[in-house]
Amino acid sequence: MRCTAILPGASMASGVALSPLFAASRSPEGTRTFTTLATLFGTWRARGLDPLVACRNLLLAQAAASA
């Protein structure tokens, strides 16, 4: 069994370097948003999913649930 527990964290390490580029660190809310998105995208990658498709599916499911 392949251990994937550290993969999302590893992908976040590259995201941490990018966060100032997106001004996510200018507010606590921006930092939380960036961290959440980085975690989601890292988890989807670790699971072998296409992160953009997984994100789209999540957003569509949320929209359908609130309709």
PDB file of N, CA and C in Angstrom:
ATOM      1  N   MET A   1       0.843  -1.180   0.000  1.00  0.00           N
ATOM      2  CA  MET A   1       0.000   0.000   0.000  1.00  0.00           C
ATOM      3  C   MET A   1       0.889   1.245   0.000  1.00  0.00           C
ATOM      4  N   ARG A   2       0.601   2.148  -0.878  1.00  0.00           N
ATOM      5  CA  ARG A   2       1.384   3.385  -0.996  1.00  0.00           C
ATOM      6  C   ARG A   2       0.869   4.408   0.012  1.00  0.00           C
ATOM      7  N   CYS A   3       1.766   5.010   0.736  1.00  0.00           N
ATOM      8  CA  CYS A   3       1.393   6.032   1.708  1.00  0.00           C
ATOM      9  C   CYS A   3       1.213   7.364   0.979  1.00  0.00           C
ATOM     10  N   THR A   4       0.029   7.939   1.099  1.00  0.00           N
ATOM     11  CA  THR A   4      -0.233   9.216   0.448  1.00  0.00           C
ATOM     12  C   THR A   4      -0.478  10.327   1.462  1.00  0.00           C
ATOM     13  N   ALA A   5      -0.269  10.030   2.739  1.00  0.00           N
ATOM     14  CA  ALA A   5      -0.571  11.011   3.778  1.00  0.00           C
ATOM     15  C   ALA A   5       0.249  12.290   3.637  1.00  0.00           C
ATOM     16  N   ILE A   6       1.474  12.185   3.132  1.00  0.00           N
ATOM     17  CA  ILE A   6       2.307  13.384   3.037  1.00  0.00           C
ATOM     18  C   ILE A   6       2.209  14.079   1.690  1.00  0.00           C
ATOM     19  N   LEU A   7       1.578  13.444   0.720  1.00  0.00           N
ATOM     20  CA  LEU A   7       1.513  14.056  -0.600  1.00  0.00           C
ATOM     21  C   LEU A   7       0.761  15.385  -0.613  1.00  0.00           C
ATOM     22  N   PRO A   8      -0.418  15.488   0.023  1.00  0.00           N
ATOM     23  CA  PRO A   8      -1.071  16.801   0.020  1.00  0.00           C
ATOM     24  C   PRO A   8      -0.205  17.872   0.680  1.00  0.00           C
ATOM     25  N   GLY A   9       0.473  17.505   1.754  1.00  0.00           N
ATOM     26  CA  GLY A   9       1.360  18.459   2.416  1.00  0.00           C
ATOM     27  C   GLY A   9       2.516  18.861   1.525  1.00  0.00           C
ATOM     28  N   ALA A  10       3.019  17.905   0.759  1.00  0.00           N
ATOM     29  CA  ALA A  10       4.129  18.212  -0.142  1.00  0.00           C
ATOM     30  C   ALA A  10       3.687  19.165  -1.237  1.00  0.00           C
ATOM     31  N   SER A  11       2.469  18.972  -1.729  1.00  0.00           N
ATOM     32  CA  SER A  11       2.004  19.883  -2.771  1.00  0.00           C
ATOM     33  C   SER A  11       1.710  21.256  -2.195  1.00  0.00           C
ATOM     34  N   MET A  12       1.347  21.309  -0.916  1.00  0.00           N
ATOM     35  CA  MET A  12       1.112  22.606  -0.281  1.00  0.00           C
ATOM     36  C   MET A  12       2.412  23.386  -0.140  1.00  0.00           C
ATOM     37  N   ALA A  13       3.524  22.673   0.015  1.00  0.00           N
ATOM     38  CA  ALA A  13       4.801  23.372   0.159  1.00  0.00           C
ATOM     39  C   ALA A  13       5.056  24.269  -1.043  1.00  0.00           C
ATOM     40  N   SER A  14       4.718  23.795  -2.240  1.00  0.00           N
ATOM     41  CA  SER A  14       4.897  24.640  -3.414  1.00  0.00           C
ATOM     42  C   SER A  14       3.865  25.765  -3.413  1.00  0.00           C
ATOM     43  N   GLY A  15       2.685  25.497  -2.868  1.00  0.00           N
ATOM     44  CA  GLY A  15       1.658  26.518  -2.781  1.00  0.00           C
ATOM     45  C   GLY A  15       2.017  27.631  -1.823  1.00  0.00           C
ATOM     46  N   VAL A  16       2.726  27.285  -0.759  1.00  0.00           N
ATOM     47  CA  VAL A  16       3.133  28.291   0.219  1.00  0.00           C
ATOM     48  C   VAL A  16       4.014  29.332  -0.447  1.00  0.00           C
ATOM     49  N   ALA A  17       4.874  28.885  -1.348  1.00  0.00           N
ATOM     50  CA  ALA A  17       5.747  29.821  -2.055  1.00  0.00           C
ATOM     51  C   ALA A  17       4.947  30.718  -2.990  1.00  0.00           C
ATOM     52  N   LEU A  18       3.816  30.233  -3.476  1.00  0.00           N
ATOM     53  CA  LEU A  18       2.997  31.004  -4.411  1.00  0.00           C
ATOM     54  C   LEU A  18       2.006  31.928  -3.727  1.00  0.00           C
ATOM     55  N   SER A  19       1.696  31.688  -2.455  1.00  0.00           N
ATOM     56  CA  SER A  19       0.632  32.459  -1.816  1.00  0.00           C
ATOM     57  C   SER A  19       0.837  33.969  -1.858  1.00  0.00           C
ATOM     58  N   PRO A  20       2.058  34.499  -1.703  1.00  0.00           N
ATOM     59  CA  PRO A  20       2.192  35.951  -1.820  1.00  0.00           C
ATOM     60  C   PRO A  20       1.858  36.477  -3.216  1.00  0.00           C
ATOM     61  N   LEU A  21       2.053  35.648  -4.225  1.00  0.00           N
ATOM     62  CA  LEU A  21       1.723  36.067  -5.581  1.00  0.00           C
ATOM     63  C   LEU A  21       0.227  36.305  -5.731  1.00  0.00           C
ATOM     64  N   PHE A  22      -0.568  35.555  -4.983  1.00  0.00           N
ATOM     65  CA  PHE A  22      -2.013  35.691  -5.059  1.00  0.00           C
ATOM     66  C   PHE A  22      -2.561  36.582  -3.953  1.00  0.00           C
ATOM     67  N   ALA A  23      -1.702  37.210  -3.199  1.00  0.00           N
ATOM     68  CA  ALA A  23      -2.081  38.111  -2.108  1.00  0.00           C
ATOM     69  C   ALA A  23      -2.934  37.407  -1.068  1.00  0.00           C
ATOM     70  N   ALA A  24      -2.816  36.100  -0.968  1.00  0.00           N
ATOM     71  CA  ALA A  24      -3.611  35.347  -0.003  1.00  0.00           C
ATOM     72  C   ALA A  24      -3.178  35.626   1.424  1.00  0.00           C
ATOM     73  N   SER A  25      -1.955  36.057   1.594  1.00  0.00           N
ATOM     74  CA  SER A  25      -1.460  36.252   2.952  1.00  0.00           C
ATOM     75  C   SER A  25      -1.753  37.654   3.480  1.00  0.00           C
ATOM     76  N   ARG A  26      -2.544  38.431   2.768  1.00  0.00           N
ATOM     77  CA  ARG A  26      -2.836  39.791   3.222  1.00  0.00           C
ATOM     78  C   ARG A  26      -3.910  39.847   4.283  1.00  0.00           C
ATOM     79  N   SER A  27      -4.664  38.774   4.432  1.00  0.00           N
ATOM     80  CA  SER A  27      -5.685  38.735   5.472  1.00  0.00           C
ATOM     81  C   SER A  27      -5.814  37.307   5.978  1.00  0.00           C
ATOM     82  N   PRO A  28      -6.278  37.148   7.207  1.00  0.00           N
ATOM     83  CA  PRO A  28      -6.482  35.788   7.725  1.00  0.00           C
ATOM     84  C   PRO A  28      -7.480  34.987   6.873  1.00  0.00           C
ATOM     85  N   GLU A  29      -8.524  35.652   6.393  1.00  0.00           N
ATOM     86  CA  GLU A  29      -9.513  34.964   5.563  1.00  0.00           C
ATOM     87  C   GLU A  29      -8.888  34.504   4.242  1.00  0.00           C
ATOM     88  N   GLY A  30      -8.058  35.352   3.640  1.00  0.00           N
ATOM     89  CA  GLY A  30      -7.380  34.977   2.403  1.00  0.00           C
ATOM     90  C   GLY A  30      -6.432  33.811   2.603  1.00  0.00           C
ATOM     91  N   THR A  31      -5.744  33.809   3.735  1.00  0.00           N
ATOM     92  CA  THR A  31      -4.838  32.709   4.050  1.00  0.00           C
ATOM     93  C   THR A  31      -5.605  31.415   4.216  1.00  0.00           C
ATOM     94  N   ARG A  32      -6.730  31.467   4.922  1.00  0.00           N
ATOM     95  CA  ARG A  32      -7.558  30.258   5.103  1.00  0.00           C
ATOM     96  C   ARG A  32      -8.099  29.754   3.769  1.00  0.00           C
ATOM     97  N   THR A  33      -8.532  30.667   2.930  1.00  0.00           N
ATOM     98  CA  THR A  33      -9.061  30.276   1.619  1.00  0.00           C
ATOM     99  C   THR A  33      -7.983  29.612   0.789  1.00  0.00           C
ATOM    100  N   PHE A  34      -6.805  30.224   0.748  1.00  0.00           N
ATOM    101  CA  PHE A  34      -5.710  29.657  -0.034  1.00  0.00           C
ATOM    102  C   PHE A  34      -5.320  28.287   0.499  1.00  0.00           C
ATOM    103  N   THR A  35      -5.222  28.153   1.819  1.00  0.00           N
ATOM    104  CA  THR A  35      -4.830  26.880   2.425  1.00  0.00           C
ATOM    105  C   THR A  35      -5.865  25.801   2.125  1.00  0.00           C
ATOM    106  N   THR A  36      -7.135  26.142   2.197  1.00  0.00           N
ATOM    107  CA  THR A  36      -8.197  25.184   1.899  1.00  0.00           C
ATOM    108  C   THR A  36      -8.117  24.711   0.457  1.00  0.00           C
ATOM    109  N   LEU A  37      -7.962  25.666  -0.461  1.00  0.00           N
ATOM    110  CA  LEU A  37      -7.871  25.293  -1.875  1.00  0.00           C
ATOM    111  C   LEU A  37      -6.633  24.458  -2.161  1.00  0.00           C
ATOM    112  N   ALA A  38      -5.500  24.831  -1.578  1.00  0.00           N
ATOM    113  CA  ALA A  38      -4.270  24.067  -1.786  1.00  0.00           C
ATOM    114  C   ALA A  38      -4.420  22.642  -1.255  1.00  0.00           C
ATOM    115  N   THR A  39      -5.097  22.500  -0.116  1.00  0.00           N
ATOM    116  CA  THR A  39      -5.319  21.172   0.451  1.00  0.00           C
ATOM    117  C   THR A  39      -6.228  20.338  -0.436  1.00  0.00           C
ATOM    118  N   LEU A  40      -7.314  20.946  -0.910  1.00  0.00           N
ATOM    119  CA  LEU A  40      -8.224  20.218  -1.797  1.00  0.00           C
ATOM    120  C   LEU A  40      -7.515  19.764  -3.071  1.00  0.00           C
ATOM    121  N   PHE A  41      -6.818  20.680  -3.724  1.00  0.00           N
ATOM    122  CA  PHE A  41      -6.140  20.331  -4.976  1.00  0.00           C
ATOM    123  C   PHE A  41      -5.055  19.282  -4.738  1.00  0.00           C
ATOM    124  N   GLY A  42      -4.328  19.387  -3.633  1.00  0.00           N
ATOM    125  CA  GLY A  42      -3.303  18.400  -3.307  1.00  0.00           C
ATOM    126  C   GLY A  42      -3.896  17.029  -3.043  1.00  0.00           C
ATOM    127  N   THR A  43      -5.023  16.989  -2.345  1.00  0.00           N
ATOM    128  CA  THR A  43      -5.690  15.719  -2.054  1.00  0.00           C
ATOM    129  C   THR A  43      -6.198  15.077  -3.332  1.00  0.00           C
ATOM    130  N   TRP A  44      -6.796  15.884  -4.198  1.00  0.00           N
ATOM    131  CA  TRP A  44      -7.283  15.326  -5.469  1.00  0.00           C
ATOM    132  C   TRP A  44      -6.124  14.774  -6.292  1.00  0.00           C
ATOM    133  N   ARG A  45      -5.016  15.482  -6.328  1.00  0.00           N
ATOM    134  CA  ARG A  45      -3.837  14.974  -7.063  1.00  0.00           C
ATOM    135  C   ARG A  45      -3.349  13.670  -6.452  1.00  0.00           C
ATOM    136  N   ALA A  46      -3.270  13.625  -5.111  1.00  0.00           N
ATOM    137  CA  ALA A  46      -2.785  12.419  -4.423  1.00  0.00           C
ATOM    138  C   ALA A  46      -3.689  11.220  -4.699  1.00  0.00           C
ATOM    139  N   ARG A  47      -4.955  11.475  -4.925  1.00  0.00           N
ATOM    140  CA  ARG A  47      -5.901  10.401  -5.227  1.00  0.00           C
ATOM    141  C   ARG A  47      -5.936  10.049  -6.711  1.00  0.00           C
ATOM    142  N   GLY A  48      -5.134  10.732  -7.497  1.00  0.00           N
ATOM    143  CA  GLY A  48      -5.069  10.450  -8.926  1.00  0.00           C
ATOM    144  C   GLY A  48      -6.195  11.075  -9.731  1.00  0.00           C
ATOM    145  N   LEU A  49      -6.858  12.074  -9.152  1.00  0.00           N
ATOM    146  CA  LEU A  49      -7.947  12.754  -9.848  1.00  0.00           C
ATOM    147  C   LEU A  49      -7.423  13.988 -10.559  1.00  0.00           C
ATOM    148  N   ASP A  50      -8.117  14.402 -11.590  1.00  0.00           N
ATOM    149  CA  ASP A  50      -7.805  15.663 -12.246  1.00  0.00           C
ATOM    150  C   ASP A  50      -8.358  16.772 -11.350  1.00  0.00           C
ATOM    151  N   PRO A  51      -7.504  17.616 -10.775  1.00  0.00           N
ATOM    152  CA  PRO A  51      -7.971  18.625  -9.822  1.00  0.00           C
ATOM    153  C   PRO A  51      -9.011  19.587 -10.392  1.00  0.00           C
ATOM    154  N   LEU A  52      -8.889  19.960 -11.647  1.00  0.00           N
ATOM    155  CA  LEU A  52      -9.866  20.885 -12.225  1.00  0.00           C
ATOM    156  C   LEU A  52     -11.235  20.235 -12.388  1.00  0.00           C
ATOM    157  N   VAL A  53     -11.252  18.979 -12.802  1.00  0.00           N
ATOM    158  CA  VAL A  53     -12.515  18.258 -12.930  1.00  0.00           C
ATOM    159  C   VAL A  53     -13.127  18.042 -11.548  1.00  0.00           C
ATOM    160  N   ALA A  54     -12.315  17.674 -10.576  1.00  0.00           N
ATOM    161  CA  ALA A  54     -12.815  17.463  -9.217  1.00  0.00           C
ATOM    162  C   ALA A  54     -13.377  18.763  -8.636  1.00  0.00           C
ATOM    163  N   CYS A  55     -12.711  19.883  -8.886  1.00  0.00           N
ATOM    164  CA  CYS A  55     -13.186  21.183  -8.417  1.00  0.00           C
ATOM    165  C   CYS A  55     -14.526  21.522  -9.073  1.00  0.00           C
ATOM    166  N   ARG A  56     -14.615  21.315 -10.359  1.00  0.00           N
ATOM    167  CA  ARG A  56     -15.865  21.582 -11.085  1.00  0.00           C
ATOM    168  C   ARG A  56     -16.997  20.731 -10.528  1.00  0.00           C
ATOM    169  N   ASN A  57     -16.717  19.440 -10.284  1.00  0.00           N
ATOM    170  CA  ASN A  57     -17.728  18.541  -9.738  1.00  0.00           C
ATOM    171  C   ASN A  57     -18.189  18.993  -8.354  1.00  0.00           C
ATOM    172  N   LEU A  58     -17.260  19.436  -7.535  1.00  0.00           N
ATOM    173  CA  LEU A  58     -17.597  19.927  -6.196  1.00  0.00           C
ATOM    174  C   LEU A  58     -18.494  21.156  -6.289  1.00  0.00           C
ATOM    175  N   LEU A  59     -18.127  22.090  -7.158  1.00  0.00           N
ATOM    176  CA  LEU A  59     -18.921  23.312  -7.297  1.00  0.00           C
ATOM    177  C   LEU A  59     -20.317  23.013  -7.848  1.00  0.00           C
ATOM    178  N   LEU A  60     -20.409  22.113  -8.819  1.00  0.00           N
ATOM    179  CA  LEU A  60     -21.716  21.740  -9.367  1.00  0.00           C
ATOM    180  C   LEU A  60     -22.575  21.041  -8.335  1.00  0.00           C
ATOM    181  N   ALA A  61     -21.963  20.184  -7.504  1.00  0.00           N
ATOM    182  CA  ALA A  61     -22.712  19.492  -6.457  1.00  0.00           C
ATOM    183  C   ALA A  61     -23.234  20.481  -5.432  1.00  0.00           C
ATOM    184  N   GLN A  62     -22.432  21.488  -5.094  1.00  0.00           N
ATOM    185  CA  GLN A  62     -22.857  22.508  -4.130  1.00  0.00           C
ATOM    186  C   GLN A  62     -24.004  23.324  -4.710  1.00  0.00           C
ATOM    187  N   ALA A  63     -23.915  23.666  -5.987  1.00  0.00           N
ATOM    188  CA  ALA A  63     -24.965  24.449  -6.633  1.00  0.00           C
ATOM    189  C   ALA A  63     -26.272  23.657  -6.679  1.00  0.00           C
ATOM    190  N   ALA A  64     -26.182  22.380  -6.983  1.00  0.00           N
ATOM    191  CA  ALA A  64     -27.385  21.542  -7.045  1.00  0.00           C
ATOM    192  C   ALA A  64     -28.000  21.381  -5.653  1.00  0.00           C
ATOM    193  N   ALA A  65     -27.171  21.284  -4.631  1.00  0.00           N
ATOM    194  CA  ALA A  65     -27.669  21.120  -3.272  1.00  0.00           C
ATOM    195  C   ALA A  65     -28.373  22.369  -2.757  1.00  0.00           C
ATOM    196  N   SER A  66     -27.938  23.532  -3.232  1.00  0.00           N
ATOM    197  CA  SER A  66     -28.537  24.780  -2.752  1.00  0.00           C
ATOM    198  C   SER A  66     -29.710  25.235  -3.604  1.00  0.00           C
ATOM    199  N   ALA A  67     -29.954  24.545  -4.711  1.00  0.00           N
ATOM    200  CA  ALA A  67     -31.065  24.932  -5.606  1.00  0.00           C
ATOM    201  C   ALA A  67     -32.386  24.375  -5.144  1.00  0.00           C
TER     202      ALA A  67
END
